[in-house]
Protein backbone atom coordinates (compact mmCIF):
# COMPACT_ATOMS: atom_id res chain seq x y z
CA MET A 1 115.21 42.64 108.24
CA ALA A 2 112.08 44.34 109.55
CA ASN A 3 109.25 41.91 110.31
CA ILE A 4 106.59 44.20 108.86
CA ASN A 5 104.57 43.43 105.77
CA TYR A 6 104.88 46.84 104.15
CA TYR A 7 102.75 45.79 101.18
CA VAL A 8 99.80 45.10 103.49
CA GLU A 9 100.40 47.84 106.06
CA LEU A 10 100.75 50.56 103.40
CA ASN A 11 98.31 49.10 100.87
CA LEU A 12 100.98 48.68 98.18
CA ASP A 13 100.72 46.58 95.03
CA ARG A 14 103.54 44.04 95.20
CA GLY A 15 103.42 43.68 91.43
CA LEU A 16 104.70 47.23 90.86
CA SER A 17 108.12 47.72 89.31
CA ASP A 18 110.92 49.07 91.52
CA ALA A 19 110.55 52.56 90.03
CA ASP A 20 106.73 52.61 90.34
CA LEU A 21 106.83 51.28 93.90
CA LEU A 22 109.33 53.96 94.93
CA GLY A 23 107.06 56.53 93.30
CA GLU A 24 104.06 55.36 95.32
CA LEU A 25 106.08 55.45 98.53
CA LYS A 26 107.28 58.97 97.77
CA LYS A 27 103.67 60.02 97.17
CA LYS A 28 102.66 58.64 100.57
CA ARG A 29 105.68 60.24 102.20
CA SER A 30 104.84 63.69 100.82
CA ALA A 31 101.19 63.43 101.90
CA LEU A 32 102.10 62.29 105.41
CA GLN A 33 104.75 64.98 105.86
CA LYS A 34 102.04 67.55 105.20
CA LYS A 35 99.65 65.85 107.61
CA VAL A 36 102.27 65.83 110.35
CA ASN A 37 103.06 69.51 109.88
CA MET A 38 99.45 70.56 109.38
CA ALA A 39 97.91 68.42 112.14
CA PRO A 40 95.48 70.54 114.18
CA ASP A 41 95.91 68.48 117.36
CA PRO A 42 98.54 66.20 118.99
CA GLU A 43 96.55 63.02 118.44
CA THR A 44 96.27 63.56 114.70
CA GLU A 45 99.96 64.50 114.53
CA SER A 46 101.00 61.38 116.43
CA ASN A 47 98.92 59.13 114.17
CA ALA A 48 100.36 60.70 111.01
CA GLN A 49 103.88 60.55 112.46
CA LYS A 50 103.63 56.79 113.03
CA GLN A 51 102.50 56.28 109.45
CA LEU A 52 105.27 58.54 108.15
CA ASN A 53 107.92 56.58 110.06
CA LEU A 54 106.54 53.38 108.55
CA VAL A 55 106.72 54.82 105.03
CA LEU A 56 110.29 56.04 105.57
CA ASP A 57 111.29 52.57 106.75
CA ALA A 58 109.61 51.09 103.67
CA ILE A 59 111.53 53.48 101.40
CA ASP A 60 114.81 52.34 102.96
CA ILE A 61 113.99 48.71 102.20
CA LEU A 62 111.61 48.60 99.23
CA GLY A 63 113.15 51.67 97.58
CA ASP A 64 116.43 49.79 97.05
CA PRO A 65 116.07 47.04 94.39
CA LYS A 66 118.63 44.76 96.08
CA LYS A 67 117.09 45.17 99.53
CA ARG A 68 113.60 44.70 98.09
CA LYS A 69 114.63 41.44 96.41
CA ALA A 70 116.02 40.11 99.69
CA TYR A 71 112.92 41.34 101.58
CA ASP A 72 110.50 39.71 99.11
CA LYS A 73 112.46 36.46 99.28
CA GLU A 74 112.23 36.43 103.07
CA LEU A 75 108.52 37.37 102.94
CA ASP A 76 107.79 34.44 100.61
CA LYS A 77 109.93 32.07 102.67
CA ASN A 78 108.37 32.88 106.04
CA PRO A 79 105.18 34.96 105.69
CA ASP A 80 103.97 34.13 109.22
CA ALA A 81 106.94 35.98 110.68
CA PHE A 82 105.66 39.26 109.28
CA SER A 83 103.00 41.40 110.94
CA ALA A 84 99.36 40.70 110.15
CA PRO A 85 97.09 43.36 108.59
CA LYS A 86 95.95 46.05 110.97
CA THR A 87 92.33 46.59 111.91
CA ASP A 88 90.76 49.24 109.73
CA ALA A 89 89.77 51.89 112.26
CA SER A 90 88.09 54.01 109.61
CA ALA A 91 85.82 51.13 108.64
CA ALA A 92 84.85 50.68 112.29
CA THR A 93 83.90 54.34 112.54
CA SER A 94 81.83 54.06 109.38
CA ARG A 95 79.70 51.32 110.93
CA VAL A 96 78.74 53.50 113.93
CA LYS A 97 75.28 55.04 113.82
CA PHE A 98 75.65 58.80 113.51
CA ASP A 99 73.04 60.96 115.26
CA VAL A 100 73.35 64.76 115.55
CA ALA A 101 70.83 64.71 118.40
CA ASP A 102 73.78 63.78 120.63
CA MET A 103 76.13 66.59 119.57
CA ASP A 104 78.99 65.59 121.87
CA GLU A 105 78.98 62.04 120.55
CA ALA A 106 78.74 63.30 116.97
CA MET A 107 81.75 65.60 117.46
CA ASP A 108 83.73 62.76 119.05
CA LEU A 109 82.98 60.49 116.09
CA LEU A 110 84.01 63.17 113.60
CA HIS A 111 87.23 63.80 115.49
CA GLU A 112 87.99 60.09 115.55
CA ALA A 113 87.33 59.92 111.82
CA PHE A 114 89.69 62.84 111.22
CA VAL A 115 92.47 61.26 113.28
CA ASN A 116 92.02 57.99 111.36
CA GLU A 117 91.85 59.84 108.03
CA ASN A 118 88.34 58.62 107.30
CA MET A 119 87.53 61.62 105.16
CA ALA A 120 84.55 59.96 103.48
CA PHE A 121 82.84 59.68 106.89
CA ILE A 122 83.45 63.39 107.50
CA ARG A 123 82.13 64.43 104.09
CA LYS A 124 79.00 62.38 104.72
CA ASN A 125 78.20 63.48 108.28
CA ALA A 126 79.86 66.83 109.03
CA PRO A 127 77.34 68.88 106.97
CA SER A 128 74.49 67.63 109.18
CA VAL A 129 76.40 68.75 112.30
CA ILE A 130 76.97 72.18 110.78
CA GLU A 131 73.30 72.43 109.85
CA ALA A 132 72.33 71.50 113.40
CA GLY A 133 74.56 74.25 114.79
CA ALA A 134 78.17 73.15 115.28
CA PRO A 135 79.50 74.13 118.73
CA ASN A 136 82.92 75.26 117.43
CA VAL A 137 85.02 75.73 114.30
CA ASP A 138 86.61 72.25 114.43
CA VAL A 139 83.93 70.54 112.36
CA TYR A 140 84.30 73.18 109.62
CA MET A 141 88.05 72.69 109.58
CA TRP A 142 87.69 68.89 109.36
CA LEU A 143 85.23 69.24 106.50
CA VAL A 144 87.54 71.57 104.57
CA PHE A 145 90.35 69.01 104.80
CA ALA A 146 87.92 66.26 103.78
CA TYR A 147 86.82 68.15 100.66
CA ALA A 148 90.41 69.06 99.78
CA ASP A 149 91.31 65.37 100.07
CA VAL A 150 89.22 64.67 96.95
CA ASP A 151 90.04 67.98 95.20
CA LYS A 152 86.61 69.51 95.82
CA ASP A 153 88.05 73.01 96.16
CA ALA A 154 84.78 74.85 95.58
CA GLN A 155 83.06 73.02 98.45
CA ALA A 156 86.13 73.53 100.66
CA GLU A 157 86.17 77.28 100.04
CA SER A 158 82.42 77.47 100.61
CA THR A 159 82.89 75.71 103.96
CA ILE A 160 85.50 78.30 104.99
CA SER A 161 83.00 81.06 104.13
CA ASP A 162 80.29 79.28 106.16
CA MET A 163 82.69 79.02 109.12
CA LEU A 164 83.44 82.76 109.03
CA ALA A 165 79.73 83.56 108.75
CA ALA A 166 78.95 81.36 111.77
CA PHE A 167 81.87 82.68 113.87
CA PRO A 168 82.65 86.17 112.48
CA GLU A 169 84.59 87.43 115.51
CA ASP A 170 86.14 84.14 116.56
CA GLU A 171 89.95 84.10 116.67
CA GLU A 172 90.12 80.38 115.89
CA ALA A 173 87.89 80.83 112.86
CA ARG A 174 90.12 83.63 111.57
CA TYR A 175 93.24 81.59 112.26
CA TRP A 176 91.96 78.51 110.45
CA ALA A 177 90.71 80.58 107.54
CA ALA A 178 94.19 82.07 107.07
CA TYR A 179 95.84 78.70 107.61
CA LEU A 180 93.65 76.87 105.13
CA TYR A 181 93.95 79.57 102.47
CA LEU A 182 97.75 79.51 102.71
CA ASN A 183 98.23 75.75 102.87
CA LEU A 184 95.43 74.38 100.70
CA PHE A 185 94.73 77.19 98.24
CA LYS A 186 98.02 78.76 97.16
CA SER A 187 96.25 81.33 94.96
CA LYS A 188 94.36 82.72 97.96
CA THR A 189 97.22 84.59 99.62
CA ARG A 190 95.28 87.87 99.58
CA GLU A 191 92.40 86.33 101.52
CA ALA A 192 94.87 84.79 103.97
CA ARG A 193 96.52 88.18 104.50
CA GLN A 194 93.19 89.77 105.45
CA HIS A 195 92.65 87.27 108.25
CA ILE A 196 96.26 87.50 109.44
CA ASP A 197 95.93 91.28 109.68
CA TRP A 198 92.67 90.89 111.61
CA LEU A 199 94.41 88.59 114.12
CA LEU A 200 97.42 90.89 114.53
CA GLU A 201 95.07 93.82 115.13
CA HIS A 202 92.78 92.11 117.64
CA LEU A 203 95.22 90.00 119.67
CA GLU A 204 97.01 91.62 122.58
CA THR A 205 99.80 89.03 122.47
CA VAL A 206 100.70 87.26 119.25
CA PRO A 207 100.97 83.49 119.88
CA GLY A 208 103.48 81.33 118.02
CA LYS A 209 100.97 79.91 115.55
CA VAL A 210 99.78 83.38 114.46
CA ALA A 211 103.36 84.64 114.21
CA ALA A 212 104.08 81.62 112.01
CA MET A 213 101.11 82.51 109.82
CA ASP A 214 102.50 86.02 109.31
CA VAL A 215 105.94 84.67 108.31
CA SER A 216 104.36 81.94 106.15
CA TYR A 217 102.52 84.56 104.13
CA TYR A 218 105.78 86.28 103.12
CA ILE A 219 107.33 82.93 102.26
CA ALA A 220 104.31 82.08 100.10
CA VAL A 221 104.54 85.34 98.14
CA GLY A 222 108.30 84.93 97.66
CA ASP A 223 109.54 87.72 99.92
CA LEU A 224 112.23 85.67 101.67
CA ALA A 225 114.13 88.70 102.96
CA LEU A 226 111.08 89.99 104.85
CA ALA A 227 110.27 86.45 106.00
CA GLU A 228 113.73 86.13 107.54
CA THR A 229 113.39 89.57 109.17
CA LYS A 230 109.99 88.66 110.61
CA THR A 231 111.31 85.31 111.83
CA ALA A 232 114.13 87.02 113.72
CA GLU A 233 111.66 89.52 115.24
CA TYR A 234 109.16 86.88 116.33
CA LYS A 235 111.85 84.63 117.79
CA LYS A 236 112.51 87.36 120.35
CA THR A 237 108.96 86.91 121.67
CA VAL A 238 107.98 83.33 120.87
CA GLY A 239 111.45 81.75 120.97
CA ASN A 240 111.51 78.20 119.63
CA ASP A 241 107.79 77.69 120.09
CA LYS A 242 106.94 74.43 118.28
CA ALA A 243 103.80 75.82 116.66
CA PHE A 244 105.90 78.65 115.21
CA THR A 245 108.88 76.64 113.96
CA LYS A 246 106.81 73.74 112.62
CA GLN A 247 104.45 75.94 110.62
CA VAL A 248 107.19 78.14 109.18
CA GLY A 249 109.04 74.97 108.24
CA GLN A 250 105.94 73.72 106.42
CA ALA A 251 105.67 77.03 104.56
CA TYR A 252 109.14 76.49 103.14
CA ILE A 253 108.18 72.93 102.17
CA ASN A 254 105.11 74.24 100.34
CA VAL A 255 107.32 76.54 98.26
CA ALA A 256 109.85 73.75 97.64
CA GLU A 257 107.11 71.51 96.24
CA GLY A 258 106.26 74.26 93.76
CA TYR A 259 109.52 73.43 91.98
CA LEU A 260 108.34 69.90 91.28
CA GLN A 261 106.73 69.08 87.96
CA GLY A 262 104.04 66.43 87.62
CA HIS A 263 102.06 65.09 90.55
CA GLY A 264 102.43 62.59 93.35
CA ALA A 265 104.46 59.56 92.37
CA SER A 266 105.50 61.16 89.06
CA ALA A 267 106.82 64.43 90.50
CA TYR A 268 110.26 65.41 89.21
CA TRP A 269 112.59 68.39 88.73
CA ASP A 270 112.46 69.94 85.26
CA SER A 271 115.83 71.71 85.41
CA LYS A 272 118.96 72.05 87.49
CA GLU A 273 117.64 75.40 88.69
CA ASP A 274 114.43 73.75 89.94
CA TRP A 275 116.44 71.11 91.80
CA ASN A 276 118.68 73.76 93.38
CA ASN A 277 115.65 75.83 94.45
CA TYR A 278 113.98 72.74 95.86
CA LYS A 279 117.12 72.00 97.89
CA LYS A 280 117.31 75.61 99.09
CA TYR A 281 113.78 75.68 100.49
CA ILE A 282 114.02 72.23 102.05
CA GLU A 283 117.24 73.27 103.76
CA LEU A 284 115.55 76.48 104.95
CA SER A 285 112.76 74.36 106.39
CA LEU A 286 115.26 72.15 108.20
CA SER A 287 117.07 75.20 109.55
CA ILE A 288 113.92 76.51 111.23
CA TYR A 289 112.34 73.15 112.16
CA PRO A 290 115.00 70.39 112.11
CA ASN A 291 112.75 67.35 112.30
CA ALA A 292 114.40 63.99 111.70
CA GLN A 293 111.76 62.69 109.29
CA LEU A 294 112.15 65.55 106.81
CA LYS A 295 115.92 65.28 107.00
CA ARG A 296 115.70 61.57 106.32
CA ALA A 297 113.38 62.15 103.36
CA TYR A 298 115.64 64.91 102.04
CA GLU A 299 118.68 62.62 102.22
CA SER A 300 116.67 60.12 100.16
CA ASP A 301 115.91 62.84 97.58
CA LYS A 302 119.58 63.79 97.40
CA LYS A 303 120.57 60.20 96.72
CA LEU A 304 117.93 60.13 94.01
CA ALA A 305 118.81 63.42 92.31
CA SER A 306 122.28 64.64 93.31
CA GLY A 307 125.43 63.55 91.56
CA ILE A 308 126.10 61.72 88.33
CA LYS A 309 124.73 58.47 86.97
CA PHE A 310 125.83 56.50 83.93
CA ASP A 311 123.11 56.07 81.31
CA TYR A 312 123.51 52.47 80.19
CA ARG A 313 121.07 53.00 77.34
CA ASN A 314 123.92 54.54 75.33
CA ILE A 315 126.33 51.64 75.90
CA VAL A 316 125.29 49.98 72.62
CA GLY A 317 126.57 52.96 70.67
CA ALA A 318 129.87 52.91 72.56
CA VAL A 319 130.34 49.16 71.94
CA MET A 320 129.57 49.57 68.24
CA ALA A 321 132.04 52.45 67.97
CA VAL A 322 134.77 50.32 69.58
CA LEU A 323 133.88 47.40 67.29
CA TYR A 324 134.09 49.58 64.18
CA GLY A 325 137.37 51.02 65.40
CA SER A 326 138.84 47.56 65.95
CA ILE A 327 137.87 46.49 62.44
CA PHE A 328 139.22 49.66 60.86
CA CYS A 329 142.55 49.25 62.68
CA SER A 330 143.25 46.20 60.55
CA VAL A 331 143.19 48.26 57.33
CA ARG A 332 145.91 50.86 56.86
CA GLN A 333 143.78 53.23 54.83
CA THR A 334 141.05 53.34 57.52
CA ILE A 335 143.23 54.18 60.54
CA PRO A 336 141.77 57.74 60.72
CA ALA A 337 138.29 56.23 60.80
CA ALA A 338 139.37 53.88 63.59
CA VAL A 339 140.67 56.82 65.60
CA LEU A 340 137.38 58.63 65.05
CA CYS A 341 135.41 55.60 66.23
CA PHE A 342 137.46 55.28 69.41
CA ALA A 343 137.01 59.00 70.02
CA VAL A 344 133.27 58.59 69.54
CA ALA A 345 133.22 55.70 72.04
CA ILE A 346 135.00 57.83 74.63
CA TYR A 347 132.63 60.72 73.94
CA ILE A 348 129.58 58.49 74.36
CA VAL A 349 130.84 57.21 77.73
CA VAL A 350 131.48 60.74 78.96
CA PHE A 351 128.19 62.03 77.52
CA SER A 352 126.30 59.17 79.20
CA CYS A 353 127.38 60.33 82.66
CA VAL A 354 124.28 62.45 83.25
CA PRO A 355 123.06 64.28 86.37
CA LYS A 356 120.84 62.02 88.45
CA TRP A 357 117.97 64.51 88.40
CA VAL A 358 117.97 64.27 84.58
CA LYS A 359 117.85 60.48 84.72
CA TYR A 360 115.06 60.62 87.31
CA LYS A 361 113.08 63.05 85.15
CA GLU A 362 113.34 60.65 82.22
CA GLU A 363 112.09 57.78 84.39
CA CYS A 364 109.11 59.83 85.58
CA THR A 365 108.13 61.14 82.15
CA GLY A 366 109.05 58.01 80.20
CA LYS A 367 110.72 60.23 77.59
CA LEU A 368 114.33 59.97 76.44
CA PRO A 369 115.71 63.34 75.25
CA LEU A 370 116.36 63.36 71.50
CA ARG A 371 120.05 64.13 71.95
CA TYR A 372 120.55 60.87 73.84
CA LYS A 373 118.82 58.95 71.11
CA ILE A 374 120.82 60.29 68.18
CA VAL A 375 124.22 61.51 69.34
CA HIS A 376 126.07 58.21 69.20
CA TRP A 377 124.18 56.92 66.18
CA VAL A 378 124.96 60.05 64.18
CA ALA A 379 128.64 59.79 65.08
CA VAL A 380 128.87 56.07 64.31
CA VAL A 381 126.94 56.42 61.05
CA PHE A 382 129.22 59.31 60.08
CA ALA A 383 132.27 57.12 60.71
CA PHE A 384 130.70 54.25 58.76
CA VAL A 385 129.88 56.48 55.79
CA TRP A 386 133.40 57.90 55.85
CA VAL A 387 134.91 54.40 55.72
CA LEU A 388 132.44 53.32 53.05
CA VAL A 389 133.45 56.28 50.89
CA LYS A 390 137.13 55.47 51.43
CA VAL A 391 136.57 51.83 50.43
CA VAL A 392 134.56 52.80 47.34
CA LEU A 393 137.25 55.30 46.32
CA ARG A 394 139.95 52.69 46.90
CA ILE A 395 138.18 50.21 44.66
CA PHE A 396 137.57 52.90 42.03
CA TYR A 397 141.21 53.96 41.94
CA GLU A 398 142.47 50.36 41.86
CA LEU A 399 140.17 49.56 38.95
CA SER A 400 141.25 52.71 37.15
CA GLY A 401 144.94 52.10 37.94
CA GLY A 402 145.20 55.17 40.22
CA ASP A 403 146.12 55.63 43.87
CA ALA A 404 143.52 55.86 46.61
CA GLY A 405 145.86 58.06 48.65
């Protein structure tokens, strides 16, 4: 049993139900996977990777109701054995006096805030650095991520425009513009293409990250055949360059997430086709960038959505059908009704073995499909009405001296 207080470390509400807690962990996992793959520097990537590993460990323990029960019992029994809350690095940064007069110090503080995901600090202070004449494109990039973090897309796009105006011929500015348009604004593929073309035209040698941007564009617009062709071509020059494989892998993940309905903790697959497409793109991502964390998360998704699961909500109908059948077996005239009831019970059991993705969708939406609500009741009521009619007819014929048949 891991001696980590996941509730404290990951800021989780211990009072959440098993399903809601798993949903919150999945939401954190998805966000951190993106941060790892989209990290602009090794320090940010390393920080996000540590958090992602922690979330994946939490999913293994808290995502399983039996394991969570044992974990909570141990946590209550010996709380001192579990890790204490970590120091809030973002809060420490927020208390530092920010002064653009010392530009180097200001940039260091903003970078530290970005690594520690203190986006509020960046939104508050980065504009003043830009106004004072930012020395490079980094501060613009940090501010775009900070605005996107709170869904302020208009401000984020405006910041990209400001960056290009301040550094019109800068390769990094063009690269980040294309990168941000593709990864944060999926409807801006045309704008991304313009900057990719500019880079391909002006660079003597295409580095791995720009090659990845070119391939990512074709993945984003759905041209998988051309994306595969481009990947094969670029691999001849960039090989297994990490910047290339990681970014192309993220492009496939972005497309895969498009087959999810809902948002964050309530994301689900709406159809078998959506689930199969999601699997296809995740597997494509793993084929180009086989990182262990994504594979581990994907295995968790497969356990959640692949295969068959029995829907116990229909068991009442099956039990009632068997009960009716048992009663009807005791009366010779109602043997056909008994057979029908047993057949209905078998049908309900078979019908209740539903694909896991369907069951998961129901849990996320809180809606039970109408067919599950009525199928067994209609069948049982039909059998009951049939028997009732037979009994009424029997009584009628006996009273009239006839034969019920």
